[in-house]
Amino acid sequence: MTSKILFITPLPPPVTGQSLACIELYNYLDKDNNCIIDVINLSKQSFISGKGSFKRVAEIAGVLLRLLFLRRDYDLIYFTPAESKMGSYKDQLIYLFMFAKLKKMYIHLHGGAGMKKLLEKDKSLIFKLNKYFISRLAGVIVLGERLKSIYNGIIESDKIYAVENFSQDYLFIRQSELKLKFNNRNKIKILFLSNLLPGKGYIELLKSADFLDDSCVEFHFAGGFEDEQAKKIFLEAINLKNNIFYHGIVSGDEKRNLLIKSDIFCLPTYYPYEGQPISILEAYAAGCVVLTTNHSGIFDVFEPWRNGIEVDKKSTSDLVNAINYFNSNREEIRKIAINNIVDARKKYRLKHHLEKMMTVLMNHEVIQQ
C-alpha cells in the first residue's frame, strides 16, 4: 500500500541542524517506492529566529494558502514547530488549517529551550492554544529525555518520544586518520562550527584568545552570521590575530577536514532556541574533545569528563581554564577523543537516528509496511 506523507518543515538551504535532520529523513522516506511525499518548505534565508519581516509574512501566507488547497488524504503529516512567540502563532494557524488531520500529525521539536520558555506559563494564550491543538496530535518527538517535560500536561506522556540527533556518515574519522591526528602537534586547534549567532557563545570564545598563549593555541571559526554588520565586527576583531581564522560557511570535505584536524570543539551556547546541537555529535565522530554548557538538551548526549569539559554560560574564564587544562594535559585530549568516537559509532550514526524515527512514526501504523 502506498503511504501519502506531508512534510511541513525547513529544508536546505540554508543548512542548519534542523534542516539537515529534515532532509535526511525526507531522503530516507523518498527512497521508499511506497511513499508519496508532498513538501511545504518552511526555510528562510536568515539564520536568526524570532524576527519577522514583510517578506517572511508573505512566505507564511503562501504556506497557509498551499495548505488550503491540499486535499490529499495523508497517512502522515510531519511538522517542525517554531519556538518564537510569533512563530508559534503561525503554527496555530497551521494546526487550524489541518485540524481534521491532526490525529495523523507528528511534530518534531528540533529546539528545546525556546519552547520550554514559551509554554512555561500555563495561563497564557499561547499555552492554551498549543495545548488545545497538540493534545490532538498523533505524537510529539523531542531530541532527548530531558526535553520530554516540555510537553508534560499538554499531551499524554506515552505520545512523547525522544530521538537523539546524529552525525552524517562521511564525518566519522578513519583509523588511519586517527593515528595521525595527535602526532607531532605543537598547537592545540580549537574549532567553533555553528552559525555565529547571539547566544551561541562565539563572542566569549573569541575573548578567551586574549588570555591564552597564541603560540600554543589556534582558533578556527566556521558558520554564518545573522547579518553583514555582525560579520564585519567579527572580522575586524580578528584582523590582526595571527592564530584566529574564519572559514565562512563550510560543508562537505571542507567541513570534514576542519573537524578531523581539530583537537577541541567548542560550543559554549546559551542560545534561546537551542535543542541538541548536531555539531556536538559531529565533533564526537571526528574525534574532538568538546567544551560546552549544560543548556537545553545537551546533557542528554554529553557527560562532563567523559566527552569533554562543562563550562558555565557566558564565562570566558571557564573557557580559558579548560583550554589551559588540555594544553597542559595533552594525553587527556586523546583519551576523551577516543571516548567520543566510541559513543558516536555506537549511538549517533545516521542509521541509528532513522531507525528510531521510523519506530516512532510506525507506532500508530501511520506508515504502512
Protein backbone atom coordinates (compact mmCIF):
# COMPACT_ATOMS: atom_id res chain seq x y z
CA MET A 1 0.00 0.00 0.00
CA THR A 2 1.27 3.46 -0.89
CA SER A 3 1.71 5.87 2.03
CA LYS A 4 0.95 9.55 1.46
CA ILE A 5 3.08 11.90 3.56
CA LEU A 6 3.11 15.66 4.02
CA PHE A 7 6.31 17.37 5.20
CA ILE A 8 5.87 20.85 6.70
CA THR A 9 9.50 21.58 7.52
CA PRO A 10 12.52 23.69 6.61
CA LEU A 11 14.79 22.04 4.05
CA PRO A 12 18.25 23.31 2.98
CA PRO A 13 19.30 25.90 2.08
CA PRO A 14 20.31 27.32 4.44
CA VAL A 15 21.86 24.39 6.29
CA THR A 16 21.01 24.29 9.98
CA GLY A 17 20.85 21.34 12.34
CA GLN A 18 17.09 21.28 11.86
CA SER A 19 17.07 21.49 8.07
CA LEU A 20 19.81 18.84 7.88
CA ALA A 21 17.81 16.41 10.02
CA CYS A 22 14.68 17.08 7.98
CA ILE A 23 16.34 16.49 4.61
CA GLU A 24 17.90 13.22 5.82
CA LEU A 25 14.51 11.93 6.93
CA TYR A 26 12.93 13.13 3.69
CA ASN A 27 15.61 11.40 1.59
CA TYR A 28 15.17 8.17 3.55
CA LEU A 29 11.41 8.15 3.02
CA ASP A 30 11.72 9.31 -0.59
CA LYS A 31 13.78 6.21 -1.44
CA ASP A 32 10.80 4.08 -0.47
CA ASN A 33 8.74 3.49 -3.61
CA ASN A 34 5.67 3.05 -1.44
CA CYS A 35 5.78 6.67 -0.26
CA ILE A 36 4.42 9.77 -1.98
CA ILE A 37 5.71 12.91 -0.26
CA ASP A 38 4.43 16.46 -0.58
CA VAL A 39 6.60 19.22 0.89
CA ILE A 40 5.80 22.65 2.23
CA ASN A 41 9.23 24.17 2.79
CA LEU A 42 9.44 26.49 5.81
CA SER A 43 13.06 27.56 5.19
CA LYS A 44 14.02 31.20 5.49
CA GLN A 45 17.24 32.83 4.36
CA SER A 46 18.12 34.44 7.69
CA PHE A 47 19.73 32.32 10.41
CA ILE A 48 18.14 34.36 13.19
CA SER A 49 14.95 33.09 14.84
CA GLY A 50 12.05 35.04 16.23
CA LYS A 51 12.29 38.05 13.94
CA GLY A 52 9.72 38.79 11.27
CA SER A 53 9.67 40.84 8.09
CA PHE A 54 7.15 41.64 5.38
CA LYS A 55 8.88 39.09 3.18
CA ARG A 56 8.58 36.39 5.84
CA VAL A 57 4.92 37.24 6.43
CA ALA A 58 4.33 36.82 2.70
CA GLU A 59 6.15 33.47 2.77
CA ILE A 60 3.97 32.23 5.63
CA ALA A 61 0.84 33.45 3.85
CA GLY A 62 1.94 31.34 0.89
CA VAL A 63 2.34 28.33 3.18
CA LEU A 64 -1.18 28.76 4.52
CA LEU A 65 -2.62 29.12 1.03
CA ARG A 66 -0.95 25.88 -0.03
CA LEU A 67 -2.44 24.14 2.99
CA LEU A 68 -5.89 25.35 1.99
CA PHE A 69 -5.58 23.78 -1.44
CA LEU A 70 -4.14 20.46 -0.28
CA ARG A 71 -6.86 17.86 -0.49
CA ARG A 72 -4.82 14.67 -0.32
CA ASP A 73 -5.82 12.20 2.40
CA TYR A 74 -2.45 11.93 4.12
CA ASP A 75 -1.38 8.93 6.18
CA LEU A 76 1.25 11.02 7.98
CA ILE A 77 1.95 14.71 8.49
CA TYR A 78 5.42 15.61 9.77
CA PHE A 79 5.73 19.16 11.10
CA THR A 80 8.54 21.04 12.86
CA PRO A 81 7.14 23.77 15.15
CA ALA A 82 8.67 27.18 15.81
CA GLU A 83 9.96 28.30 19.22
CA SER A 84 9.46 32.04 19.00
CA LYS A 85 6.17 33.62 20.06
CA MET A 86 5.36 34.95 16.59
CA GLY A 87 6.38 31.66 15.03
CA SER A 88 4.13 29.77 17.40
CA TYR A 89 1.12 31.89 16.43
CA LYS A 90 1.88 30.92 12.83
CA ASP A 91 1.89 27.29 13.96
CA GLN A 92 -1.58 27.68 15.46
CA LEU A 93 -2.87 28.66 12.03
CA ILE A 94 -1.25 25.57 10.53
CA TYR A 95 -2.88 23.39 13.19
CA LEU A 96 -6.21 25.09 12.49
CA PHE A 97 -5.94 24.58 8.73
CA MET A 98 -5.02 20.91 9.31
CA PHE A 99 -7.49 20.38 12.15
CA ALA A 100 -9.26 17.39 10.60
CA LYS A 101 -5.89 15.68 10.10
CA LEU A 102 -4.24 16.36 13.49
CA LYS A 103 -4.59 12.73 14.59
CA LYS A 104 -2.13 11.86 11.79
CA MET A 105 0.35 14.63 12.59
CA TYR A 106 3.65 14.29 14.43
CA ILE A 107 5.51 17.40 15.47
CA HIS A 108 9.29 17.19 15.84
CA LEU A 109 10.80 19.80 18.14
CA HIS A 110 14.35 20.47 16.97
CA GLY A 111 14.98 23.02 19.71
CA GLY A 112 14.02 22.93 23.34
CA ALA A 113 14.95 25.97 25.39
CA GLY A 114 12.71 28.32 23.44
CA MET A 115 9.66 26.05 23.57
CA LYS A 116 10.16 25.47 27.29
CA LYS A 117 10.02 29.22 27.90
CA LEU A 118 7.07 29.62 25.55
CA LEU A 119 4.96 27.04 27.38
CA GLU A 120 6.01 27.69 30.97
CA LYS A 121 3.05 29.99 31.73
CA ASP A 122 0.06 27.67 31.72
CA LYS A 123 -2.46 30.51 31.82
CA SER A 124 -1.12 32.31 28.77
CA LEU A 125 -2.99 32.35 25.47
CA ILE A 126 -0.09 30.76 23.61
CA PHE A 127 -0.03 27.87 26.10
CA LYS A 128 -3.78 27.30 25.84
CA LEU A 129 -3.71 27.34 22.05
CA ASN A 130 -0.77 24.93 21.88
CA LYS A 131 -2.39 22.57 24.39
CA TYR A 132 -5.68 22.60 22.50
CA PHE A 133 -4.07 21.51 19.24
CA ILE A 134 -1.10 19.42 20.45
CA SER A 135 -3.31 17.27 22.69
CA ARG A 136 -5.00 16.05 19.49
CA LEU A 137 -1.79 15.01 17.68
CA ALA A 138 -0.52 11.50 16.96
CA GLY A 139 2.66 12.34 18.84
CA VAL A 140 5.50 14.68 19.72
CA ILE A 141 9.18 13.97 19.06
CA VAL A 142 11.93 15.69 21.07
CA LEU A 143 15.72 15.38 20.90
CA GLY A 144 16.32 13.81 24.32
CA GLU A 145 14.78 12.59 27.56
CA ARG A 146 15.42 15.91 29.32
CA LEU A 147 13.18 17.68 26.82
CA LYS A 148 10.13 15.46 27.28
CA SER A 149 8.98 17.53 30.26
CA ILE A 150 8.30 20.50 27.94
CA TYR A 151 5.09 18.79 26.87
CA ASN A 152 4.02 17.41 30.26
CA GLY A 153 0.34 18.16 30.81
CA ILE A 154 -0.14 19.07 27.15
CA ILE A 155 -0.23 15.61 25.57
CA GLU A 156 -0.25 12.10 27.02
CA SER A 157 3.22 11.00 28.15
CA ASP A 158 3.11 7.86 26.01
CA LYS A 159 2.84 10.08 22.93
CA ILE A 160 6.10 11.93 23.70
CA TYR A 161 9.16 10.31 22.11
CA ALA A 162 12.88 11.05 22.46
CA VAL A 163 15.04 10.57 19.36
CA GLU A 164 18.63 11.82 19.56
CA ASN A 165 20.35 13.60 16.71
CA PHE A 166 23.15 12.12 14.61
CA SER A 167 26.34 12.68 12.69
CA GLN A 168 26.42 12.08 8.96
CA ASP A 169 28.48 9.05 7.97
CA TYR A 170 31.14 10.90 5.99
CA LEU A 171 32.27 12.82 9.07
CA PHE A 172 33.44 9.76 11.00
CA ILE A 173 37.21 9.66 11.37
CA ARG A 174 39.03 6.75 9.76
CA GLN A 175 41.53 4.62 11.68
CA SER A 176 44.43 5.86 9.56
CA GLU A 177 43.44 9.47 10.24
CA LEU A 178 43.11 8.81 13.96
CA LYS A 179 46.70 7.58 14.16
CA LEU A 180 47.92 10.83 12.62
CA LYS A 181 45.56 13.16 14.49
CA PHE A 182 47.53 13.54 17.69
CA ASN A 183 51.07 13.08 16.39
CA ASN A 184 53.55 15.97 16.16
CA ARG A 185 51.01 18.56 17.25
CA ASN A 186 52.51 21.79 18.57
CA LYS A 187 49.40 23.94 18.76
CA ILE A 188 46.01 22.89 20.07
CA LYS A 189 43.43 23.56 17.37
CA ILE A 190 40.08 24.81 18.65
CA LEU A 191 37.02 24.78 16.41
CA PHE A 192 33.75 26.69 16.61
CA LEU A 193 31.49 25.18 13.95
CA SER A 194 27.98 26.57 14.16
CA ASN A 195 26.11 29.62 12.98
CA LEU A 196 27.64 32.64 14.71
CA LEU A 197 24.53 33.98 16.40
CA PRO A 198 23.96 35.86 19.66
CA GLY A 199 23.88 33.29 22.44
CA LYS A 200 25.93 30.64 20.65
CA GLY A 201 28.99 31.63 22.71
CA TYR A 202 31.33 32.55 19.88
CA ILE A 203 31.96 36.01 21.35
CA GLU A 204 33.08 34.53 24.67
CA LEU A 205 35.33 32.08 22.84
CA LEU A 206 36.84 34.91 20.81
CA LYS A 207 37.53 36.87 24.00
CA SER A 208 39.30 33.86 25.53
CA ALA A 209 42.01 34.16 22.88
CA ASP A 210 43.25 37.33 24.60
CA PHE A 211 44.11 35.32 27.72
CA LEU A 212 45.83 32.39 26.03
CA ASP A 213 49.33 31.97 24.64
CA ASP A 214 48.94 32.30 20.87
CA SER A 215 51.97 30.09 20.36
CA CYS A 216 50.05 27.19 21.93
CA VAL A 217 46.52 27.55 20.58
CA GLU A 218 44.87 28.17 17.23
CA PHE A 219 41.22 29.14 16.77
CA HIS A 220 39.04 28.27 13.79
CA PHE A 221 35.52 29.65 13.33
CA ALA A 222 33.07 28.47 10.67
CA GLY A 223 29.41 29.31 10.09
CA GLY A 224 27.07 32.07 9.02
CA PHE A 225 26.21 35.34 10.78
CA GLU A 226 22.79 36.84 11.43
CA ASP A 227 23.67 39.86 9.26
CA GLU A 228 26.55 41.59 7.50
CA GLN A 229 27.14 44.01 10.38
CA ALA A 230 27.80 41.17 12.83
CA LYS A 231 30.17 39.60 10.32
CA LYS A 232 32.02 42.89 9.82
CA ILE A 233 32.50 43.37 13.57
CA PHE A 234 33.87 39.84 13.93
CA LEU A 235 36.28 40.14 11.00
CA GLU A 236 37.59 43.45 12.32
CA ALA A 237 38.17 41.85 15.73
CA ILE A 238 40.32 39.05 14.30
CA ASN A 239 42.05 41.13 11.62
CA LEU A 240 45.38 41.42 13.46
CA LYS A 241 45.26 37.99 15.12
CA ASN A 242 47.63 35.51 13.53
CA ASN A 243 46.15 32.49 15.31
CA ILE A 244 42.44 33.09 14.61
CA PHE A 245 40.85 32.06 11.31
CA TYR A 246 37.35 32.41 9.84
CA HIS A 247 36.34 29.89 7.17
CA GLY A 248 32.84 31.08 6.27
CA ILE A 249 30.01 28.61 5.81
CA VAL A 250 31.51 25.17 5.19
CA SER A 251 30.18 21.83 4.02
CA GLY A 252 31.39 18.58 2.51
CA ASP A 253 35.13 17.91 2.53
CA GLU A 254 35.97 21.39 3.83
CA LYS A 255 33.79 20.82 6.89
CA ARG A 256 35.18 17.34 7.40
CA ASN A 257 38.78 18.50 7.19
CA LEU A 258 38.18 21.20 9.78
CA LEU A 259 36.70 18.67 12.20
CA ILE A 260 39.32 15.99 11.61
CA LYS A 261 42.19 18.45 12.11
CA SER A 262 40.76 19.98 15.29
CA ASP A 263 41.51 18.88 18.84
CA ILE A 264 38.79 20.72 20.74
CA PHE A 265 35.29 21.56 19.58
CA CYS A 266 33.81 24.47 21.49
CA LEU A 267 30.12 25.38 21.67
CA PRO A 268 29.55 27.40 24.88
CA THR A 269 25.93 28.01 23.96
CA TYR A 270 23.11 29.71 25.79
CA TYR A 271 21.16 30.26 22.56
CA PRO A 272 17.45 30.65 23.37
CA TYR A 273 16.33 28.22 20.66
CA GLU A 274 18.95 25.53 21.29
CA GLY A 275 17.95 21.87 21.34
CA GLN A 276 20.62 19.22 20.98
CA PRO A 277 23.27 20.52 18.58
CA ILE A 278 24.13 18.15 15.76
CA SER A 279 27.54 19.84 15.65
CA ILE A 280 28.48 18.27 19.02
CA LEU A 281 27.77 14.79 17.67
CA GLU A 282 29.73 15.61 14.51
CA ALA A 283 32.65 16.59 16.74
CA TYR A 284 32.43 13.24 18.52
CA ALA A 285 32.52 11.40 15.19
CA ALA A 286 35.64 13.30 14.14
CA GLY A 287 37.49 12.61 17.40
CA CYS A 288 37.28 16.03 19.06
CA VAL A 289 37.08 16.86 22.75
CA VAL A 290 34.03 19.04 23.46
CA LEU A 291 33.66 22.15 25.61
CA THR A 292 30.01 23.06 26.11
CA THR A 293 27.32 24.18 28.55
CA ASN A 294 24.52 22.48 30.46
CA HIS A 295 21.86 24.03 28.26
CA SER A 296 18.59 22.68 26.86
CA GLY A 297 19.06 19.03 25.81
CA ILE A 298 22.86 18.95 25.55
CA PHE A 299 23.42 16.84 28.66
CA ASP A 300 21.36 14.03 27.14
CA VAL A 301 24.38 13.39 24.90
CA PHE A 302 27.22 14.98 26.90
CA GLU A 303 28.84 13.72 30.10
CA PRO A 304 31.47 16.00 31.71
CA TRP A 305 34.95 14.47 31.75
CA ARG A 306 33.90 11.60 29.51
CA ASN A 307 33.11 13.73 26.46
CA GLY A 308 34.86 16.95 27.46
CA ILE A 309 34.50 19.75 29.99
CA GLU A 310 31.40 21.66 31.02
CA VAL A 311 31.82 25.44 31.04
CA ASP A 312 29.47 27.98 32.57
CA LYS A 313 27.34 30.08 30.26
CA LYS A 314 28.85 33.44 29.28
CA SER A 315 32.10 32.55 31.09
CA THR A 316 35.26 33.46 29.22
CA SER A 317 37.33 32.44 32.27
CA ASP A 318 35.90 28.90 32.19
CA LEU A 319 36.89 28.59 28.56
CA VAL A 320 40.41 29.83 29.31
CA ASN A 321 40.78 27.39 32.21
CA ALA A 322 39.51 24.43 30.18
CA ILE A 323 41.78 25.17 27.23
CA ASN A 324 44.78 25.64 29.53
CA TYR A 325 43.97 22.33 31.20
CA PHE A 326 44.09 20.45 27.92
CA ASN A 327 47.19 22.34 26.84
CA SER A 328 48.92 21.01 29.97
CA ASN A 329 47.37 17.53 29.71
CA ARG A 330 47.64 16.56 26.06
CA GLU A 331 47.05 12.87 26.78
CA GLU A 332 43.60 13.75 28.14
CA ILE A 333 42.68 15.06 24.69
CA ARG A 334 43.47 11.69 23.17
CA LYS A 335 41.65 9.77 25.91
CA ILE A 336 38.43 11.79 25.67
CA ALA A 337 38.55 11.85 21.87
CA ILE A 338 38.53 8.04 21.85
CA ASN A 339 35.52 8.05 24.19
CA ASN A 340 33.69 10.36 21.81
CA ILE A 341 34.45 8.27 18.75
CA VAL A 342 33.17 5.17 20.54
CA ASP A 343 29.98 6.95 21.64
CA ALA A 344 29.34 8.31 18.15
CA ARG A 345 29.82 4.94 16.49
CA LYS A 346 27.57 3.16 18.97
CA LYS A 347 24.76 5.68 19.33
CA TYR A 348 24.89 8.62 16.93
CA ARG A 349 25.16 7.31 13.40
CA LEU A 350 22.52 8.45 10.93
CA LYS A 351 21.15 4.90 10.73
CA HIS A 352 20.51 4.90 14.49
CA HIS A 353 18.54 8.14 14.18
CA LEU A 354 16.48 6.98 11.20
CA GLU A 355 15.70 3.60 12.79
CA LYS A 356 14.35 5.36 15.88
CA MET A 357 12.39 7.84 13.78
CA MET A 358 10.75 5.05 11.81
CA THR A 359 9.90 3.18 15.02
CA VAL A 360 8.09 6.28 16.27
CA LEU A 361 6.31 7.07 13.03
CA MET A 362 5.13 3.48 12.67
CA ASN A 363 3.94 3.33 16.27
CA HIS A 364 0.33 4.02 15.34
CA GLU A 365 0.60 2.25 11.98
CA VAL A 366 0.72 5.59 10.22
CA ILE A 367 3.24 4.39 7.65
CA GLN A 368 2.31 1.09 6.06
CA GLN A 369 4.98 -1.55 5.58
